[in-house]
C-alpha atoms as a PDB file:
ATOM      1  CA  MET A   1      30.994 111.609 114.967  1.00  0.00           C
ATOM      2  CA  LYS A   2      34.322 110.264 114.871  1.00  0.00           C
ATOM      3  CA  ILE A   3      34.817 108.387 118.216  1.00  0.00           C
ATOM      4  CA  LYS A   4      37.896 106.711 118.884  1.00  0.00           C
ATOM      5  CA  VAL A   5      37.785 104.688 122.134  1.00  0.00           C
ATOM      6  CA  MET A   6      41.896 102.885 123.110  1.00  0.00           C
ATOM      7  CA  VAL A   7      42.456 100.342 124.165  1.00  0.00           C
ATOM      8  CA  ALA A   8      45.243  99.943 127.175  1.00  0.00           C
ATOM      9  CA  ALA A   9      47.279  97.532 127.219  1.00  0.00           C
ATOM     10  CA  HIS A  10      50.828  96.383 127.825  1.00  0.00           C
ATOM     11  CA  LYS A  11      51.504  93.027 125.694  1.00  0.00           C
ATOM     12  CA  GLU A  12      49.599  91.255 122.523  1.00  0.00           C
ATOM     13  CA  PHE A  13      46.189  90.515 123.140  1.00  0.00           C
ATOM     14  CA  PRO A  14      43.302  90.002 121.111  1.00  0.00           C
ATOM     15  CA  MET A  15      41.301  93.167 119.480  1.00  0.00           C
ATOM     16  CA  PRO A  16      38.308  94.687 118.411  1.00  0.00           C
ATOM     17  CA  GLU A  17      38.407  93.876 114.946  1.00  0.00           C
ATOM     18  CA  ASN A  18      36.512  97.554 114.134  1.00  0.00           C
ATOM     19  CA  ARG A  19      40.442  99.546 114.462  1.00  0.00           C
ATOM     20  CA  ASN A  20      38.525 102.271 112.898  1.00  0.00           C
ATOM     21  CA  LEU A  21      37.260 102.911 116.357  1.00  0.00           C
ATOM     22  CA  TYR A  22      38.863 100.856 118.554  1.00  0.00           C
ATOM     23  CA  MET A  23      42.938 101.725 119.082  1.00  0.00           C
ATOM     24  CA  PRO A  24      44.615  99.325 121.289  1.00  0.00           C
ATOM     25  CA  VAL A  25      47.231 101.282 122.696  1.00  0.00           C
ATOM     26  CA  LEU A  26      50.807 100.044 123.680  1.00  0.00           C
ATOM     27  CA  VAL A  27      51.042 101.689 127.081  1.00  0.00           C
ATOM     28  CA  GLY A  28      55.085 102.600 129.133  1.00  0.00           C
ATOM     29  CA  ALA A  29      55.015 101.925 125.282  1.00  0.00           C
ATOM     30  CA  THR A  30      59.463 103.228 126.840  1.00  0.00           C
ATOM     31  CA  LYS A  31      59.757 100.490 128.361  1.00  0.00           C
ATOM     32  CA  ASN A  32      57.539  96.873 126.925  1.00  0.00           C
ATOM     33  CA  TYR A  33      57.614  97.613 123.964  1.00  0.00           C
ATOM     34  CA  LYS A  34      58.231  95.100 121.044  1.00  0.00           C
ATOM     35  CA  GLU A  35      58.954  94.437 117.745  1.00  0.00           C
ATOM     36  CA  GLY A  36      55.344  93.500 116.095  1.00  0.00           C
ATOM     37  CA  ILE A  37      52.957  94.754 118.988  1.00  0.00           C
ATOM     38  CA  ASP A  38      50.681  97.216 115.723  1.00  0.00           C
ATOM     39  CA  TYR A  39      49.254  99.324 118.886  1.00  0.00           C
ATOM     40  CA  GLN A  40      49.187 103.068 118.797  1.00  0.00           C
ATOM     41  CA  ARG A  41      51.809 103.848 121.013  1.00  0.00           C
ATOM     42  CA  ASP A  42      51.674 105.915 123.997  1.00  0.00           C
ATOM     43  CA  ASP A  43      55.503 107.464 124.044  1.00  0.00           C
ATOM     44  CA  GLU A  44      55.044 109.200 120.373  1.00  0.00           C
ATOM     45  CA  GLY A  45      54.037 113.096 120.412  1.00  0.00           C
ATOM     46  CA  GLU A  46      53.884 114.925 124.388  1.00  0.00           C
ATOM     47  CA  ASN A  47      53.859 112.126 126.134  1.00  0.00           C
ATOM     48  CA  ILE A  48      54.429 111.072 129.723  1.00  0.00           C
ATOM     49  CA  SER A  49      54.831 107.523 128.684  1.00  0.00           C
ATOM     50  CA  SER A  50      58.099 106.708 131.682  1.00  0.00           C
ATOM     51  CA  LYS A  51      55.803 107.144 133.798  1.00  0.00           C
ATOM     52  CA  ASN A  52      53.392 104.739 133.741  1.00  0.00           C
ATOM     53  CA  PRO A  53      54.907 102.025 136.223  1.00  0.00           C
ATOM     54  CA  ASN A  54      52.978 104.935 138.741  1.00  0.00           C
ATOM     55  CA  PHE A  55      50.212 106.275 136.731  1.00  0.00           C
ATOM     56  CA  ASN A  56      49.548 102.574 134.456  1.00  0.00           C
ATOM     57  CA  GLU A  57      46.436 103.265 131.813  1.00  0.00           C
ATOM     58  CA  LEU A  58      47.069 107.253 132.987  1.00  0.00           C
ATOM     59  CA  THR A  59      50.486 107.535 129.887  1.00  0.00           C
ATOM     60  CA  ALA A  60      47.700 106.572 127.642  1.00  0.00           C
ATOM     61  CA  ILE A  61      44.833 109.302 128.501  1.00  0.00           C
ATOM     62  CA  TYR A  62      47.390 112.300 128.415  1.00  0.00           C
ATOM     63  CA  TRP A  63      48.078 110.749 125.471  1.00  0.00           C
ATOM     64  CA  ALA A  64      45.004 111.098 123.310  1.00  0.00           C
ATOM     65  CA  TRP A  65      44.938 115.041 125.590  1.00  0.00           C
ATOM     66  CA  LYS A  66      47.897 116.258 123.350  1.00  0.00           C
ATOM     67  CA  ASN A  67      47.611 114.086 120.534  1.00  0.00           C
ATOM     68  CA  LEU A  68      45.007 112.673 119.480  1.00  0.00           C
ATOM     69  CA  ASP A  69      41.985 114.584 117.269  1.00  0.00           C
ATOM     70  CA  ALA A  70      38.316 112.644 116.854  1.00  0.00           C
ATOM     71  CA  ASP A  71      35.089 113.876 118.054  1.00  0.00           C
ATOM     72  CA  ALA A  72      34.877 111.863 121.868  1.00  0.00           C
ATOM     73  CA  ILE A  73      36.996 109.934 123.052  1.00  0.00           C
ATOM     74  CA  GLY A  74      37.307 106.702 125.371  1.00  0.00           C
ATOM     75  CA  LEU A  75      39.128 104.469 127.492  1.00  0.00           C
ATOM     76  CA  VAL A  76      39.285 101.179 127.649  1.00  0.00           C
ATOM     77  CA  HIS A  77      40.989  97.819 128.812  1.00  0.00           C
ATOM     78  CA  TYR A  78      42.215  95.753 126.755  1.00  0.00           C
ATOM     79  CA  ARG A  79      40.261  92.832 129.055  1.00  0.00           C
ATOM     80  CA  ARG A  80      37.599  95.654 130.282  1.00  0.00           C
ATOM     81  CA  LEU A  81      35.295  96.913 127.466  1.00  0.00           C
ATOM     82  CA  PHE A  82      32.309  98.833 127.430  1.00  0.00           C
ATOM     83  CA  SER A  83      29.415  96.245 126.618  1.00  0.00           C
ATOM     84  CA  LYS A  84      25.566  95.670 125.552  1.00  0.00           C
ATOM     85  CA  GLY A  85      25.408  92.902 128.647  1.00  0.00           C
ATOM     86  CA  GLY A  86      25.585  89.484 128.395  1.00  0.00           C
ATOM     87  CA  LYS A  87      28.105  87.041 126.777  1.00  0.00           C
ATOM     88  CA  ARG A  88      31.726  87.597 127.694  1.00  0.00           C
ATOM     89  CA  GLU A  89      33.621  88.356 124.621  1.00  0.00           C
ATOM     90  CA  LEU A  90      34.442  90.765 122.218  1.00  0.00           C
ATOM     91  CA  ASP A  91      31.633  90.452 119.259  1.00  0.00           C
ATOM     92  CA  ASN A  92      29.533  92.138 122.687  1.00  0.00           C
ATOM     93  CA  ILE A  93      31.156  94.750 122.859  1.00  0.00           C
ATOM     94  CA  LEU A  94      29.329  98.252 122.201  1.00  0.00           C
ATOM     95  CA  ASN A  95      29.652  99.100 118.501  1.00  0.00           C
ATOM     96  CA  LYS A  96      29.680 102.885 116.707  1.00  0.00           C
ATOM     97  CA  LYS A  97      25.953 103.632 116.562  1.00  0.00           C
ATOM     98  CA  GLN A  98      25.727 102.272 119.841  1.00  0.00           C
ATOM     99  CA  ILE A  99      28.405 104.943 121.559  1.00  0.00           C
ATOM    100  CA  GLU A 100      26.986 107.592 119.607  1.00  0.00           C
ATOM    101  CA  GLN A 101      22.910 106.796 120.881  1.00  0.00           C
ATOM    102  CA  LEU A 102      24.408 106.369 124.533  1.00  0.00           C
ATOM    103  CA  LEU A 103      26.858 109.702 123.589  1.00  0.00           C
ATOM    104  CA  GLY A 104      22.880 111.362 121.690  1.00  0.00           C
ATOM    105  CA  LYS A 105      21.879 111.316 126.009  1.00  0.00           C
ATOM    106  CA  ALA A 106      25.190 112.568 127.478  1.00  0.00           C
ATOM    107  CA  PRO A 107      28.302 113.793 126.993  1.00  0.00           C
ATOM    108  CA  ILE A 108      30.306 110.883 129.402  1.00  0.00           C
ATOM    109  CA  ILE A 109      29.693 107.847 128.971  1.00  0.00           C
ATOM    110  CA  VAL A 110      30.878 105.493 132.503  1.00  0.00           C
ATOM    111  CA  PRO A 111      30.054 102.694 133.346  1.00  0.00           C
ATOM    112  CA  LYS A 112      27.713 101.143 135.956  1.00  0.00           C
ATOM    113  CA  LYS A 113      29.088 101.779 139.084  1.00  0.00           C
ATOM    114  CA  ARG A 114      30.662  99.326 141.635  1.00  0.00           C
ATOM    115  CA  LYS A 115      29.765  98.936 145.265  1.00  0.00           C
ATOM    116  CA  TYR A 116      31.297  97.688 148.052  1.00  0.00           C
ATOM    117  CA  TYR A 117      27.934  97.543 150.703  1.00  0.00           C
ATOM    118  CA  ILE A 118      30.193  97.393 154.055  1.00  0.00           C
ATOM    119  CA  GLU A 119      33.078  99.678 153.223  1.00  0.00           C
ATOM    120  CA  SER A 120      33.386 103.642 152.014  1.00  0.00           C
ATOM    121  CA  ASN A 121      34.959 104.698 148.932  1.00  0.00           C
ATOM    122  CA  TYR A 122      37.996 105.759 151.738  1.00  0.00           C
ATOM    123  CA  SER A 123      38.320 103.115 153.619  1.00  0.00           C
ATOM    124  CA  HIS A 124      38.186 100.520 150.367  1.00  0.00           C
ATOM    125  CA  TYR A 125      41.769 102.691 149.522  1.00  0.00           C
ATOM    126  CA  VAL A 126      42.797 102.582 152.707  1.00  0.00           C
ATOM    127  CA  HIS A 127      42.377  99.474 153.292  1.00  0.00           C
ATOM    128  CA  ALA A 128      44.834  98.186 150.618  1.00  0.00           C
ATOM    129  CA  HIS A 129      46.913 101.293 149.530  1.00  0.00           C
ATOM    130  CA  PRO A 130      49.048 103.215 151.715  1.00  0.00           C
ATOM    131  CA  LYS A 131      46.449 105.656 153.171  1.00  0.00           C
ATOM    132  CA  GLU A 132      49.736 109.224 152.219  1.00  0.00           C
ATOM    133  CA  PRO A 133      48.545 109.704 148.776  1.00  0.00           C
ATOM    134  CA  LEU A 134      44.745 109.804 149.125  1.00  0.00           C
ATOM    135  CA  ASP A 135      44.920 112.016 152.274  1.00  0.00           C
ATOM    136  CA  VAL A 136      47.158 114.929 149.742  1.00  0.00           C
ATOM    137  CA  THR A 137      44.761 114.768 147.124  1.00  0.00           C
ATOM    138  CA  ARG A 138      42.782 116.086 149.498  1.00  0.00           C
ATOM    139  CA  ASN A 139      45.025 118.777 150.121  1.00  0.00           C
ATOM    140  CA  VAL A 140      46.137 119.630 146.748  1.00  0.00           C
ATOM    141  CA  ILE A 141      42.838 119.776 145.463  1.00  0.00           C
ATOM    142  CA  SER A 142      41.234 121.945 148.834  1.00  0.00           C
ATOM    143  CA  GLU A 143      44.594 124.258 148.031  1.00  0.00           C
ATOM    144  CA  ASN A 144      44.176 124.259 144.844  1.00  0.00           C
ATOM    145  CA  TYR A 145      40.215 123.486 144.087  1.00  0.00           C
ATOM    146  CA  PRO A 146      38.712 124.097 146.601  1.00  0.00           C
ATOM    147  CA  ARG A 147      35.138 124.374 144.037  1.00  0.00           C
ATOM    148  CA  TYR A 148      35.904 120.713 144.372  1.00  0.00           C
ATOM    149  CA  LEU A 149      36.602 119.366 148.250  1.00  0.00           C
ATOM    150  CA  ASP A 150      32.803 119.445 148.498  1.00  0.00           C
ATOM    151  CA  ALA A 151      32.670 117.121 145.939  1.00  0.00           C
ATOM    152  CA  PHE A 152      35.544 115.403 146.909  1.00  0.00           C
ATOM    153  CA  ASP A 153      34.049 114.485 150.558  1.00  0.00           C
ATOM    154  CA  GLN A 154      30.438 113.208 149.084  1.00  0.00           C
ATOM    155  CA  VAL A 155      32.300 110.733 146.995  1.00  0.00           C
ATOM    156  CA  MET A 156      35.874 109.829 149.592  1.00  0.00           C
ATOM    157  CA  HIS A 157      31.959 108.570 152.115  1.00  0.00           C
ATOM    158  CA  LYS A 158      29.719 106.969 149.181  1.00  0.00           C
ATOM    159  CA  THR A 159      29.061 103.125 148.687  1.00  0.00           C
ATOM    160  CA  SER A 160      29.811 102.869 144.844  1.00  0.00           C
ATOM    161  CA  ALA A 161      31.923 104.100 142.395  1.00  0.00           C
ATOM    162  CA  HIS A 162      32.315 104.439 138.227  1.00  0.00           C
ATOM    163  CA  MET A 163      35.738 102.871 138.476  1.00  0.00           C
ATOM    164  CA  PHE A 164      38.855 102.038 136.049  1.00  0.00           C
ATOM    165  CA  ASN A 165      39.370 104.557 134.728  1.00  0.00           C
ATOM    166  CA  MET A 166      36.928 104.031 131.916  1.00  0.00           C
ATOM    167  CA  PHE A 167      34.898 106.602 129.379  1.00  0.00           C
ATOM    168  CA  ILE A 168      33.942 107.752 126.449  1.00  0.00           C
ATOM    169  CA  MET A 169      33.667 110.880 126.952  1.00  0.00           C
ATOM    170  CA  ARG A 170      32.910 114.076 123.938  1.00  0.00           C
ATOM    171  CA  LYS A 171      36.288 115.576 123.410  1.00  0.00           C
ATOM    172  CA  LYS A 172      34.427 119.326 125.135  1.00  0.00           C
ATOM    173  CA  GLU A 173      34.623 117.203 128.619  1.00  0.00           C
ATOM    174  CA  PHE A 174      37.423 115.151 127.490  1.00  0.00           C
ATOM    175  CA  ASN A 175      39.773 117.988 127.565  1.00  0.00           C
ATOM    176  CA  GLN A 176      38.163 119.765 130.765  1.00  0.00           C
ATOM    177  CA  TYR A 177      38.774 116.728 132.295  1.00  0.00           C
ATOM    178  CA  SER A 178      42.245 115.710 130.862  1.00  0.00           C
ATOM    179  CA  GLU A 179      43.319 119.581 132.206  1.00  0.00           C
ATOM    180  CA  TRP A 180      42.180 119.103 135.657  1.00  0.00           C
ATOM    181  CA  LEU A 181      43.210 115.679 136.588  1.00  0.00           C
ATOM    182  CA  PHE A 182      46.686 115.692 135.773  1.00  0.00           C
ATOM    183  CA  ASP A 183      46.327 118.949 137.220  1.00  0.00           C
ATOM    184  CA  VAL A 184      45.947 117.899 140.731  1.00  0.00           C
ATOM    185  CA  LEU A 185      47.704 114.358 139.642  1.00  0.00           C
ATOM    186  CA  PHE A 186      50.691 116.476 139.277  1.00  0.00           C
ATOM    187  CA  LYS A 187      51.624 118.271 142.834  1.00  0.00           C
ATOM    188  CA  VAL A 188      50.284 114.965 143.942  1.00  0.00           C
ATOM    189  CA  GLU A 189      53.746 113.467 143.348  1.00  0.00           C
ATOM    190  CA  ASP A 190      55.729 116.549 143.991  1.00  0.00           C
ATOM    191  CA  LYS A 191      54.500 116.240 147.753  1.00  0.00           C
ATOM    192  CA  ILE A 192      54.295 112.153 148.100  1.00  0.00           C
ATOM    193  CA  ASP A 193      57.578 109.574 148.338  1.00  0.00           C
ATOM    194  CA  ILE A 194      56.962 106.846 146.448  1.00  0.00           C
ATOM    195  CA  SER A 195      60.398 105.083 146.897  1.00  0.00           C
ATOM    196  CA  GLU A 196      59.887 102.630 148.973  1.00  0.00           C
ATOM    197  CA  TYR A 197      56.462 101.231 147.191  1.00  0.00           C
ATOM    198  CA  SER A 198      55.608  97.569 146.391  1.00  0.00           C
ATOM    199  CA  VAL A 199      54.954  97.483 142.950  1.00  0.00           C
ATOM    200  CA  GLN A 200      52.050  97.687 143.026  1.00  0.00           C
ATOM    201  CA  ASP A 201      51.175 100.553 145.396  1.00  0.00           C
ATOM    202  CA  ALA A 202      53.329 102.379 143.729  1.00  0.00           C
ATOM    203  CA  ARG A 203      50.362 102.616 141.099  1.00  0.00           C
ATOM    204  CA  VAL A 204      49.428 104.789 143.147  1.00  0.00           C
ATOM    205  CA  PHE A 205      47.973 107.398 140.846  1.00  0.00           C
ATOM    206  CA  GLY A 206      45.865 105.557 138.193  1.00  0.00           C
ATOM    207  CA  PHE A 207      44.302 104.750 141.532  1.00  0.00           C
ATOM    208  CA  LEU A 208      43.387 107.976 142.974  1.00  0.00           C
ATOM    209  CA  ALA A 209      42.236 108.712 139.172  1.00  0.00           C
ATOM    210  CA  GLU A 210      39.856 105.796 139.397  1.00  0.00           C
ATOM    211  CA  ARG A 211      38.141 107.626 142.894  1.00  0.00           C
ATOM    212  CA  LEU A 212      38.884 111.357 141.210  1.00  0.00           C
ATOM    213  CA  MET A 213      36.884 111.009 137.933  1.00  0.00           C
ATOM    214  CA  ASP A 214      33.648 110.887 140.249  1.00  0.00           C
ATOM    215  CA  VAL A 215      34.641 114.177 141.807  1.00  0.00           C
ATOM    216  CA  TRP A 216      35.131 115.665 138.701  1.00  0.00           C
ATOM    217  CA  ILE A 217      31.939 114.603 137.676  1.00  0.00           C
ATOM    218  CA  THR A 218      30.210 115.105 140.952  1.00  0.00           C
ATOM    219  CA  ALA A 219      31.045 118.780 141.275  1.00  0.00           C
ATOM    220  CA  ASN A 220      30.679 120.229 137.566  1.00  0.00           C
ATOM    221  CA  LYS A 221      27.495 118.497 138.040  1.00  0.00           C
ATOM    222  CA  ASN A 222      28.078 116.513 134.339  1.00  0.00           C
ATOM    223  CA  LYS A 223      25.315 114.967 132.750  1.00  0.00           C
ATOM    224  CA  PHE A 224      26.855 111.258 132.903  1.00  0.00           C
ATOM    225  CA  VAL A 225      24.843 107.577 131.107  1.00  0.00           C
ATOM    226  CA  GLU A 226      25.879 103.979 132.708  1.00  0.00           C
ATOM    227  CA  SER A 227      26.575 101.134 130.600  1.00  0.00           C
ATOM    228  CA  ARG A 228      27.476  97.925 130.978  1.00  0.00           C
ATOM    229  CA  TRP A 229      30.384  96.674 131.088  1.00  0.00           C
ATOM    230  CA  ILE A 230      32.153  93.047 130.368  1.00  0.00           C
ATOM    231  CA  GLN A 231      35.680  91.093 131.246  1.00  0.00           C
ATOM    232  CA  ILE A 232      37.130  88.810 128.564  1.00  0.00           C
ATOM    233  CA  GLY A 233      38.345  85.989 130.615  1.00  0.00           C
ATOM    234  CA  ASP A 234      37.907  84.837 134.833  1.00  0.00           C
ATOM    235  CA  ARG A 235      36.759  88.108 136.491  1.00  0.00           C
ATOM    236  CA  LYS A 236      37.717  86.030 139.624  1.00  0.00           C
ATOM    237  CA  ILE A 237      34.386  87.379 142.430  1.00  0.00           C
ATOM    238  CA  PHE A 238      35.378  84.616 144.985  1.00  0.00           C
ATOM    239  CA  SER A 239      38.633  85.716 145.527  1.00  0.00           C
ATOM    240  CA  LYS A 240      38.242  89.717 144.958  1.00  0.00           C
ATOM    241  CA  ILE A 241      35.731  88.846 147.617  1.00  0.00           C
ATOM    242  CA  PHE A 242      37.657  86.935 149.797  1.00  0.00           C
ATOM    243  CA  ASN A 243      40.195  89.902 149.378  1.00  0.00           C
ATOM    244  CA  LEU A 244      38.037  92.797 150.259  1.00  0.00           C
ATOM    245  CA  LEU A 245      36.416  91.179 153.804  1.00  0.00           C
ATOM    246  CA  LYS A 246      40.784  90.291 154.464  1.00  0.00           C
ATOM    247  CA  ARG A 247      42.108  94.446 154.088  1.00  0.00           C
ATOM    248  CA  LYS A 248      38.594  95.514 155.444  1.00  0.00           C
ATOM    249  CA  PHE A 249      38.859  93.079 159.402  1.00  0.00           C
ATOM    250  CA  LEU A 250      42.880  91.234 158.865  1.00  0.00           C
ATOM    251  CA  LYS A 251      44.030  95.100 157.430  1.00  0.00           C
ATOM    252  CA  SER A 252      46.496  93.182 155.579  1.00  0.00           C
ATOM    253  CA  SER A 253      48.186  93.385 152.405  1.00  0.00           C
ATOM    254  CA  ILE A 254      47.326  92.132 149.664  1.00  0.00           C
ATOM    255  CA  LYS A 255      48.395  92.259 146.456  1.00  0.00           C
ATOM    256  CA  ARG A 256      46.031  93.415 143.494  1.00  0.00           C
ATOM    257  CA  THR A 257      45.527  92.528 139.608  1.00  0.00           C
ATOM    258  CA  HIS A 258      44.463  96.444 138.292  1.00  0.00           C
ATOM    259  CA  PHE A 259      43.673  94.399 135.278  1.00  0.00           C
END
């Protein structure tokens, strides 16, 4: 099986050694390109690289959908990768055999759910970002994909989700997901004005996509398997908990780091 797992990055960073399996992708390459970074650029072939400030790592997903040929395609981040568990080090990430074993159980691999406990997926989003894009997304789904509306509402009421836009999918499922995801997001893009958003909030379409993958999985009853994941470097768990509580109870605007 030919498997390509993209490692989205906007700068040079230590990468997995197996380049046959893990493909570093310079996202937003149109603007982030620096001489000497030997990564696949997301501005080659058919692409939306210029949209990276608003679509984040989704520009790598779009590039792969339009240009990459493989039996299975995935996306991780330069600091956040699927793992066997345990040490937060690059030598502890999934290898090809382990990915094949997981894909043998289900055509989709997702990270273990992130649990919010005191927040729903909807309230977590609107306490951190402007609510209009999420509400417009519901309207777009209602108008164009009514079969997905019940799944959207179910996911928004849950207190956990498969986050980070991380996955590995067989090509069939990857194509189906990408076609649906970008059609929804481009329609939302046409309906909202983000010109006055902060740099952080302007990354809106990446944030929306994090909530939409579970919608797509739920609506289509896709079989999936969860994998552990690790974050290279400091996860800043306590500061994240503090910010979550502050957003919920004080409704302050907190700058968040996506990677």
